[in-house]
Amino acid sequence: MSTPEQRAGERDSLIEQDTLKMREQARDFEREQYMLANKVFADQTGEQRMHALEAIKAYGVLSIKTLFLLNGGAILALLTFTASFFSRSDHTMALVGISLAKQFVTAFYFFGAGLASAAIISGIAYVNYSALYHTYDTPGGLFLLINAKDREPTNDVHHRITVVTAWIAIGVACLGLACFLLGAWWVVSAFSVLGV
C-alpha cells in the first residue's frame, strides 16, 4: 500500500504530466494555426498577383490596339482622302491630289513608324510576360519563402528583365504616340497647299 504522501506525489506527477501534455497540444494548435494562416496568406497573395497581372495585360493589349488603330487608321484615311481627288475627272483636282500626296509622304512615314512601334511592343510584351511568369512563386513556393527564413527569392534575373522590358515597352509606346502626333501635325501643315 502506498502512503498518502506517495499518492499525493503521484497525483502531482499526473497533474504535471497532464499540464505538460496540454501545453504541448496548445503549442501544436498554435503552430497549425500559424501554418494555416501562412498558407491562406500565400494563396491570397498569389491570387492578387494573378489579378494584377491580368489587369496589366489588358491595359497593355489595349495600348497596342490603340496604337494600331490610330496609326493604321490615319494611313487609311489619308489614302482614301488622296484617292478621292483622283477619282474625279477634273484635271485641277488631280493636280491638288498630287501636291497633297507629296506633302503626305512624311506623314505616311510617321504613321508607318507608329505602326512599327506597335508591332515592336507586341514582341517586347512577349518577352516581358515570359519573364514575369518566371518571377511568380507558386503558392507552395511562396509558403516556403514565408516559413523558411534562410530561403532567398531565386528569380532576380527574371524580375530585372520584367522591369527593363516594361520600361522599354512604355518608351516605345510613347514613341508610337509621338509618331502619330507628328504625322497628324504634318497632315495639318500639308493642307497649306490648299490654302486652308
Protein backbone atom coordinates (compact mmCIF):
# COMPACT_ATOMS: atom_id res chain seq x y z
CA MET A 1 0.00 0.00 0.00
CA SER A 2 1.06 3.48 -0.69
CA THR A 3 1.20 6.18 1.82
CA PRO A 4 -0.78 9.39 1.48
CA GLU A 5 2.41 11.22 0.68
CA GLN A 6 3.18 8.83 -2.19
CA ARG A 7 -0.35 9.19 -3.53
CA ALA A 8 -0.08 12.97 -3.35
CA GLY A 9 3.26 12.77 -5.19
CA GLU A 10 1.74 10.52 -7.86
CA ARG A 11 -1.24 12.86 -8.18
CA ASP A 12 1.10 15.86 -8.55
CA SER A 13 3.13 13.94 -11.11
CA LEU A 14 -0.03 13.12 -13.11
CA ILE A 15 -1.20 16.72 -12.91
CA GLU A 16 2.22 17.89 -14.10
CA GLN A 17 2.18 15.37 -16.98
CA ASP A 18 -1.34 16.47 -17.94
CA THR A 19 -0.28 20.11 -17.78
CA LEU A 20 2.74 19.42 -19.99
CA LYS A 21 0.58 17.46 -22.41
CA MET A 22 -1.97 20.31 -22.61
CA ARG A 23 0.80 22.86 -23.17
CA GLU A 24 2.24 20.72 -25.96
CA GLN A 25 -1.22 20.40 -27.54
CA ALA A 26 -1.69 24.17 -27.28
CA ARG A 27 1.70 24.77 -28.96
CA ASP A 28 0.81 22.27 -31.70
CA PHE A 29 -2.53 24.01 -32.20
CA GLU A 30 -0.87 27.44 -32.40
CA ARG A 31 1.73 26.08 -34.84
CA GLU A 32 -1.02 24.58 -37.03
CA GLN A 33 -2.96 27.84 -36.94
CA TYR A 34 0.18 29.77 -37.89
CA MET A 35 0.91 27.42 -40.79
CA LEU A 36 -2.70 27.60 -41.95
CA ALA A 37 -2.66 31.40 -41.79
CA ASN A 38 0.56 31.45 -43.83
CA LYS A 39 -0.96 29.12 -46.40
CA VAL A 40 -4.07 31.29 -46.70
CA PHE A 41 -1.87 34.39 -46.99
CA ALA A 42 0.24 32.74 -49.70
CA ASP A 43 -2.89 31.71 -51.62
CA GLN A 44 -4.44 35.17 -51.36
CA THR A 45 -1.21 36.91 -52.34
CA GLY A 46 -0.79 34.62 -55.34
CA GLU A 47 -4.38 35.25 -56.37
CA GLN A 48 -3.98 39.02 -56.04
CA ARG A 49 -0.81 38.93 -58.11
CA MET A 50 -2.61 36.99 -60.83
CA HIS A 51 -5.45 39.55 -60.90
CA ALA A 52 -2.89 42.35 -61.13
CA LEU A 53 -1.15 40.53 -63.97
CA GLU A 54 -4.43 40.18 -65.86
CA ALA A 55 -5.18 43.90 -65.43
CA ILE A 56 -1.70 44.89 -66.60
CA LYS A 57 -2.05 42.56 -69.56
CA ALA A 58 -5.45 44.02 -70.50
CA TYR A 59 -4.13 47.59 -70.38
CA GLY A 60 -1.09 46.61 -72.42
CA VAL A 61 -3.20 44.95 -75.09
CA LEU A 62 -5.48 47.99 -75.17
CA SER A 63 -2.47 50.27 -75.65
CA ILE A 64 -1.14 48.18 -78.52
CA LYS A 65 -4.57 48.08 -80.18
CA THR A 66 -4.90 51.85 -79.77
CA LEU A 67 -1.54 52.47 -81.45
CA PHE A 68 -2.50 50.15 -84.31
CA LEU A 69 -5.87 51.85 -84.67
CA LEU A 70 -4.54 55.41 -84.54
CA ASN A 71 -1.64 54.96 -86.94
CA GLY A 72 -3.27 52.42 -89.25
CA GLY A 73 -6.50 54.42 -89.36
CA ALA A 74 -4.55 57.57 -90.20
CA ILE A 75 -2.85 55.82 -93.11
CA LEU A 76 -6.17 54.51 -94.42
CA ALA A 77 -7.82 57.92 -94.03
CA LEU A 78 -5.01 59.64 -95.90
CA LEU A 79 -5.05 57.10 -98.70
CA THR A 80 -8.82 57.41 -99.02
CA PHE A 81 -8.71 61.20 -98.93
CA THR A 82 -5.93 61.38 -101.52
CA ALA A 83 -7.65 58.84 -103.77
CA SER A 84 -10.83 60.92 -103.74
CA PHE A 85 -9.02 63.65 -105.68
CA PHE A 86 -8.05 61.21 -108.41
CA SER A 87 -11.49 59.71 -108.78
CA ARG A 88 -12.87 62.93 -110.26
CA SER A 89 -12.45 63.82 -113.90
CA ASP A 90 -11.36 67.38 -113.11
CA HIS A 91 -7.69 67.93 -114.01
CA THR A 92 -7.27 70.65 -111.36
CA MET A 93 -8.44 68.33 -108.60
CA ALA A 94 -5.95 65.69 -109.76
CA LEU A 95 -3.14 68.27 -109.51
CA VAL A 96 -4.29 69.19 -106.00
CA GLY A 97 -4.31 65.48 -105.14
CA ILE A 98 -0.75 65.08 -106.44
CA SER A 99 0.55 68.05 -104.46
CA LEU A 100 -1.24 66.81 -101.33
CA ALA A 101 0.12 63.30 -101.83
CA LYS A 102 3.65 64.73 -102.00
CA GLN A 103 3.03 66.61 -98.76
CA PHE A 104 1.60 63.48 -97.09
CA VAL A 105 4.70 61.33 -97.72
CA THR A 106 6.38 62.39 -94.48
CA ALA A 107 3.15 61.85 -92.56
CA PHE A 108 2.96 58.32 -94.02
CA TYR A 109 6.46 57.67 -92.68
CA PHE A 110 5.45 58.85 -89.23
CA PHE A 111 2.28 56.76 -89.23
CA GLY A 112 4.24 53.74 -90.52
CA ALA A 113 6.76 54.21 -87.72
CA GLY A 114 3.84 54.31 -85.28
CA LEU A 115 2.56 51.01 -86.67
CA ALA A 116 6.05 49.53 -86.44
CA SER A 117 6.30 50.64 -82.81
CA ALA A 118 3.04 48.83 -82.02
CA ALA A 119 4.44 45.67 -83.59
CA ILE A 120 7.70 46.06 -81.64
CA ILE A 121 5.73 46.48 -78.42
CA SER A 122 3.99 43.17 -79.13
CA GLY A 123 7.37 41.43 -79.26
CA ILE A 124 8.58 43.18 -76.13
CA ALA A 125 5.35 42.21 -74.37
CA TYR A 126 6.03 38.55 -75.16
CA VAL A 127 9.48 38.76 -73.55
CA ASN A 128 8.03 40.69 -70.62
CA TYR A 129 5.25 38.22 -69.89
CA SER A 130 7.61 35.28 -70.27
CA ALA A 131 9.96 36.78 -67.71
CA LEU A 132 7.04 37.78 -65.50
CA TYR A 133 5.81 34.19 -65.50
CA HIS A 134 9.12 33.08 -64.01
CA THR A 135 9.10 35.75 -61.28
CA TYR A 136 5.96 34.43 -59.60
CA ASP A 137 6.34 31.80 -56.96
CA THR A 138 3.68 29.16 -56.84
CA PRO A 139 1.58 29.30 -53.65
CA GLY A 140 3.74 26.46 -52.34
CA GLY A 141 6.92 28.34 -53.12
CA LEU A 142 5.55 31.48 -51.50
CA PHE A 143 4.58 29.43 -48.45
CA LEU A 144 8.14 28.12 -48.22
CA LEU A 145 9.51 31.64 -48.64
CA ILE A 146 7.39 32.86 -45.73
CA ASN A 147 8.29 29.99 -43.41
CA ALA A 148 11.92 29.32 -44.31
CA LYS A 149 13.80 32.36 -43.11
CA ASP A 150 17.00 31.45 -44.96
CA ARG A 151 15.40 30.98 -48.40
CA GLU A 152 16.02 33.83 -50.83
CA PRO A 153 13.97 34.51 -53.96
CA THR A 154 15.72 32.93 -56.92
CA ASN A 155 14.08 34.91 -59.73
CA ASP A 156 16.14 38.11 -59.57
CA VAL A 157 17.22 37.97 -63.22
CA HIS A 158 13.66 37.48 -64.44
CA HIS A 159 12.50 40.36 -62.28
CA ARG A 160 15.12 42.66 -63.82
CA ILE A 161 14.13 41.55 -67.32
CA THR A 162 10.50 42.27 -66.49
CA VAL A 163 11.25 45.77 -65.23
CA VAL A 164 13.56 46.64 -68.14
CA THR A 165 11.21 45.33 -70.83
CA ALA A 166 8.25 47.11 -69.23
CA TRP A 167 10.09 50.44 -69.39
CA ILE A 168 11.25 49.75 -72.94
CA ALA A 169 7.66 48.98 -73.96
CA ILE A 170 6.44 52.19 -72.32
CA GLY A 171 9.15 54.14 -74.15
CA VAL A 172 8.31 52.56 -77.50
CA ALA A 173 4.59 53.21 -76.87
CA CYS A 174 5.33 56.87 -76.22
CA LEU A 175 7.39 56.91 -79.41
CA GLY A 176 4.45 55.40 -81.34
CA LEU A 177 2.09 58.02 -79.92
CA ALA A 178 4.59 60.75 -80.76
CA CYS A 179 4.78 59.39 -84.33
CA PHE A 180 1.01 59.64 -84.59
CA LEU A 181 1.01 63.21 -83.27
CA LEU A 182 3.84 64.26 -85.59
CA GLY A 183 2.10 62.62 -88.54
CA ALA A 184 -1.13 64.41 -87.66
CA TRP A 185 0.74 67.72 -87.39
CA TRP A 186 2.36 67.06 -90.77
CA VAL A 187 -1.06 66.37 -92.33
CA VAL A 188 -2.45 69.59 -90.89
CA SER A 189 0.51 71.56 -92.21
CA ALA A 190 0.13 69.86 -95.61
CA PHE A 191 -3.27 71.49 -96.00
CA SER A 192 -1.47 74.80 -96.52
CA VAL A 193 -1.21 73.63 -100.14
CA LEU A 194 -4.96 74.09 -100.36
CA GLY A 195 -4.75 77.48 -98.71
CA VAL A 196 -6.61 76.26 -95.64
